[in-house]
Amino acid sequence: MIPYQYRKYMTPEEQSQIMRSFKNFDLNKNGSICRSEFNALLKDMGRTDVPEEKINEWFNKFDANNDGVIEWIEFVQMAVEIGESRREFGRQSSKNEEHIVMEGAGGSKSTYARDEARTFAKLFNAVLDKDPYVGERLPIDPDSDDLWHAMSDGMLLICLLNAIEKDSVDMRAVNLQKPDKVVNKFDTIQNIELGLNAAKGKIKLVGTNV
């Protein structure tokens, strides 16, 4: 989990990219990145222009406890402090990555990376497990299609935005299921639009009309 003092500087997309990057480059799965793994990370990012002395400088700077490896928190700090370069952290090459094509009822098609879907499912599980509105939907199985069913009414997006920044979406404006109220299709569309509009500037939106 990314601590809030770093998370507040990142969009959810950037958070998932950074978590995926650490997982992918922690080759021996010991919870840390050694110098050779760090070199591979920079190369995969396309940073082949960085001289060896600069690589050593970065590694030594962020290896705060001088134990010869970069721990998870050190890695997050590095991703933030490098500045604009942090937007490239975790952006993986599409080769060897499983992509799934989903076809809608009208013939429209959407493509997503299976590994990205797993990362977002784990993000929702970690951030919203005790949320009063959607907590009962969790945990989401990251290796199934449960993510899309859980997100279908916009409530996961709304609650995630409010977890990132309080009152991003005014819950008084959200159509909630109540004993005397059934949320219908039009209510659901309104909720989704509320979430998407609130996400502008916080989350990169692709393929939406809002």
Protein backbone atom coordinates (compact mmCIF):
# COMPACT_ATOMS: atom_id res chain seq x y z
CA MET A 1 0.00 0.00 0.00
CA ILE A 2 1.29 3.49 -0.88
CA PRO A 3 1.34 5.81 2.17
CA TYR A 4 -0.93 8.84 1.92
CA GLN A 5 1.91 11.37 2.01
CA TYR A 6 3.02 9.97 -1.37
CA ARG A 7 -0.37 8.83 -2.65
CA LYS A 8 -1.74 12.38 -2.62
CA TYR A 9 0.72 13.33 -5.37
CA MET A 10 -0.41 10.53 -7.69
CA THR A 11 -3.46 9.62 -9.69
CA PRO A 12 -4.88 6.11 -9.07
CA GLU A 13 -3.43 5.13 -12.45
CA GLU A 14 0.04 6.21 -11.37
CA GLN A 15 -0.36 4.38 -8.08
CA SER A 16 -1.22 1.14 -9.87
CA GLN A 17 1.67 1.63 -12.30
CA ILE A 18 4.14 2.06 -9.45
CA MET A 19 2.84 -1.00 -7.59
CA ARG A 20 3.00 -3.07 -10.77
CA SER A 21 6.50 -1.81 -11.53
CA PHE A 22 7.84 -2.86 -8.13
CA LYS A 23 6.21 -6.28 -8.45
CA ASN A 24 7.60 -6.82 -11.96
CA PHE A 25 11.16 -5.78 -11.14
CA ASP A 26 11.44 -7.46 -7.77
CA LEU A 27 12.65 -10.49 -9.68
CA ASN A 28 13.51 -12.66 -6.71
CA LYS A 29 10.29 -11.62 -4.89
CA ASN A 30 12.06 -10.68 -1.66
CA GLY A 31 10.33 -7.31 -1.27
CA SER A 32 13.25 -5.21 -2.45
CA ILE A 33 15.08 -4.21 -5.63
CA CYS A 34 18.82 -4.77 -5.92
CA ARG A 35 21.15 -2.70 -8.09
CA SER A 36 20.95 -5.01 -11.12
CA GLU A 37 17.15 -5.07 -10.92
CA PHE A 38 17.19 -1.27 -10.67
CA ASN A 39 19.28 -1.06 -13.85
CA ALA A 40 16.77 -3.33 -15.63
CA LEU A 41 13.90 -1.13 -14.41
CA LEU A 42 15.47 2.01 -15.89
CA LYS A 43 16.20 0.23 -19.16
CA ASP A 44 12.61 -0.98 -19.45
CA MET A 45 11.45 2.58 -18.85
CA GLY A 46 13.42 3.58 -21.92
CA ARG A 47 16.00 5.46 -19.83
CA THR A 48 18.97 4.09 -21.74
CA ASP A 49 20.32 7.65 -21.85
CA VAL A 50 21.11 7.71 -18.13
CA PRO A 51 24.87 7.33 -17.54
CA GLU A 52 26.16 4.79 -15.05
CA GLU A 53 27.23 7.45 -12.55
CA LYS A 54 23.70 8.92 -12.54
CA ILE A 55 22.19 5.47 -11.99
CA ASN A 56 24.55 4.97 -9.04
CA GLU A 57 23.66 8.41 -7.70
CA TRP A 58 19.92 7.66 -7.82
CA PHE A 59 20.33 4.22 -6.27
CA ASN A 60 22.54 5.48 -3.43
CA LYS A 61 20.23 8.43 -2.75
CA PHE A 62 17.10 6.32 -2.36
CA ASP A 63 18.76 3.39 -0.60
CA ALA A 64 18.19 5.39 2.58
CA ASN A 65 19.41 2.74 5.04
CA ASN A 66 22.43 1.78 2.88
CA ASP A 67 21.59 -1.92 2.86
CA GLY A 68 22.30 -2.32 -0.86
CA VAL A 69 18.66 -2.68 -1.92
CA ILE A 70 15.70 -0.37 -2.45
CA GLU A 71 12.75 -1.28 -0.24
CA TRP A 72 9.13 -0.63 -1.22
CA ILE A 73 8.80 2.72 0.60
CA GLU A 74 12.17 3.85 -0.76
CA PHE A 75 10.96 2.94 -4.24
CA VAL A 76 7.76 4.97 -3.83
CA GLN A 77 9.73 7.97 -2.60
CA MET A 78 12.06 7.66 -5.58
CA ALA A 79 9.12 7.49 -8.00
CA VAL A 80 7.73 10.74 -6.59
CA GLU A 81 10.95 12.69 -6.17
CA ILE A 82 12.36 12.05 -9.62
CA GLY A 83 9.76 14.59 -10.73
CA GLU A 84 8.27 14.33 -14.20
CA SER A 85 10.07 11.03 -14.68
CA ARG A 86 7.76 9.48 -12.08
CA ARG A 87 4.97 9.54 -14.65
CA GLU A 88 6.92 6.93 -16.58
CA PHE A 89 7.53 4.61 -13.63
CA GLY A 90 5.78 1.29 -14.04
CA ARG A 91 4.76 1.97 -17.64
CA GLN A 92 5.49 -1.47 -19.00
CA SER A 93 6.06 -2.64 -22.51
CA SER A 94 3.06 -4.45 -23.95
CA LYS A 95 5.12 -7.43 -25.03
CA ASN A 96 4.43 -10.61 -23.09
CA GLU A 97 1.46 -8.93 -21.39
CA GLU A 98 -1.89 -10.65 -21.68
CA HIS A 99 -4.58 -8.42 -23.20
CA ILE A 100 -8.28 -9.23 -23.11
CA VAL A 101 -10.81 -7.97 -25.65
CA MET A 102 -14.36 -7.40 -24.40
CA GLU A 103 -17.23 -6.92 -26.84
CA GLY A 104 -20.27 -4.86 -25.87
CA ALA A 105 -23.88 -5.49 -26.79
CA GLY A 106 -23.70 -2.95 -29.63
CA GLY A 107 -20.58 -4.45 -31.13
CA SER A 108 -18.17 -2.03 -29.46
CA LYS A 109 -14.88 -3.47 -28.26
CA SER A 110 -12.64 -2.65 -25.32
CA THR A 111 -9.18 -3.98 -24.56
CA TYR A 112 -7.53 -4.22 -21.17
CA ALA A 113 -4.38 -5.76 -19.78
CA ARG A 114 -5.05 -8.64 -17.42
CA ASP A 115 -2.22 -7.57 -15.11
CA GLU A 116 -3.66 -4.04 -14.87
CA ALA A 117 -7.08 -5.45 -13.95
CA ARG A 118 -5.46 -7.54 -11.19
CA THR A 119 -3.68 -4.46 -9.86
CA PHE A 120 -6.88 -2.39 -9.74
CA ALA A 121 -8.79 -5.22 -8.05
CA LYS A 122 -6.12 -5.37 -5.35
CA LEU A 123 -6.18 -1.57 -5.04
CA PHE A 124 -9.95 -1.56 -4.45
CA ASN A 125 -9.58 -4.40 -1.93
CA ALA A 126 -6.91 -2.52 0.02
CA VAL A 127 -8.50 0.94 0.01
CA LEU A 128 -12.24 0.21 0.25
CA ASP A 129 -12.51 -2.97 2.31
CA LYS A 130 -14.22 -1.12 5.19
CA ASP A 131 -16.14 1.40 3.08
CA PRO A 132 -19.76 1.68 4.28
CA TYR A 133 -21.14 1.83 0.74
CA VAL A 134 -19.16 -0.85 -1.14
CA GLY A 135 -17.25 -2.78 1.51
CA GLU A 136 -19.61 -5.74 1.22
CA ARG A 137 -18.57 -6.23 -2.42
CA LEU A 138 -14.99 -6.90 -1.42
CA PRO A 139 -12.67 -8.65 -1.69
CA ILE A 140 -12.70 -8.84 -5.48
CA ASP A 141 -10.99 -11.92 -6.91
CA PRO A 142 -8.15 -10.37 -8.98
CA ASP A 143 -7.96 -13.43 -11.24
CA SER A 144 -11.63 -13.33 -12.30
CA ASP A 145 -13.95 -10.91 -14.10
CA ASP A 146 -15.55 -9.88 -10.79
CA LEU A 147 -13.93 -6.43 -11.08
CA TRP A 148 -16.21 -5.39 -13.93
CA HIS A 149 -19.37 -6.56 -12.15
CA ALA A 150 -18.34 -4.73 -8.96
CA MET A 151 -17.72 -1.53 -10.94
CA SER A 152 -20.85 -1.69 -13.09
CA ASP A 153 -22.92 0.86 -11.15
CA GLY A 154 -20.20 3.48 -10.60
CA MET A 155 -20.14 3.13 -6.82
CA LEU A 156 -16.60 1.72 -6.60
CA LEU A 157 -15.29 4.66 -8.62
CA ILE A 158 -17.20 7.16 -6.48
CA CYS A 159 -15.96 5.66 -3.22
CA LEU A 160 -12.37 5.43 -4.49
CA LEU A 161 -12.42 9.11 -5.45
CA ASN A 162 -13.72 10.04 -2.00
CA ALA A 163 -10.99 7.91 -0.42
CA ILE A 164 -8.38 9.80 -2.45
CA GLU A 165 -9.87 13.21 -1.73
CA LYS A 166 -12.70 13.72 0.73
CA ASP A 167 -16.01 14.86 -0.79
CA SER A 168 -14.80 14.53 -4.39
CA VAL A 169 -18.35 13.30 -4.95
CA ASP A 170 -21.16 14.62 -2.74
CA MET A 171 -22.85 11.45 -1.51
CA ARG A 172 -26.10 13.39 -1.11
CA ALA A 173 -26.24 13.53 -4.92
CA VAL A 174 -25.65 9.79 -5.35
CA ASN A 175 -28.58 7.46 -5.98
CA LEU A 176 -28.34 4.90 -3.18
CA GLN A 177 -30.29 1.70 -2.73
CA LYS A 178 -32.66 2.11 0.23
CA PRO A 179 -35.58 0.14 1.69
CA ASP A 180 -37.98 2.58 0.05
CA LYS A 181 -35.96 3.18 -3.12
CA VAL A 182 -34.79 0.87 -5.89
CA VAL A 183 -31.86 2.12 -7.97
CA ASN A 184 -32.89 1.75 -11.61
CA LYS A 185 -30.94 1.96 -14.87
CA PHE A 186 -31.27 5.76 -15.10
CA ASP A 187 -30.13 6.20 -11.49
CA THR A 188 -27.11 4.02 -12.25
CA ILE A 189 -26.20 6.10 -15.32
CA GLN A 190 -26.39 9.26 -13.21
CA ASN A 191 -24.07 7.71 -10.63
CA ILE A 192 -21.56 6.70 -13.30
CA GLU A 193 -21.62 10.22 -14.76
CA LEU A 194 -21.09 11.70 -11.28
CA GLY A 195 -18.04 9.50 -10.82
CA LEU A 196 -16.57 10.18 -14.25
CA ASN A 197 -17.04 13.93 -13.95
CA ALA A 198 -15.40 13.94 -10.51
CA ALA A 199 -12.53 11.84 -11.87
CA LYS A 200 -11.44 14.55 -14.31
CA GLY A 201 -8.01 15.75 -13.32
CA LYS A 202 -7.51 12.84 -10.93
CA ILE A 203 -7.72 9.80 -13.20
CA LYS A 204 -6.82 9.46 -16.86
CA LEU A 205 -10.10 8.69 -18.65
CA VAL A 206 -10.03 6.76 -21.91
CA GLY A 207 -12.99 6.10 -24.19
CA THR A 208 -15.55 8.19 -22.28
CA ASN A 209 -17.78 11.01 -23.44
CA VAL A 210 -17.61 13.11 -20.28
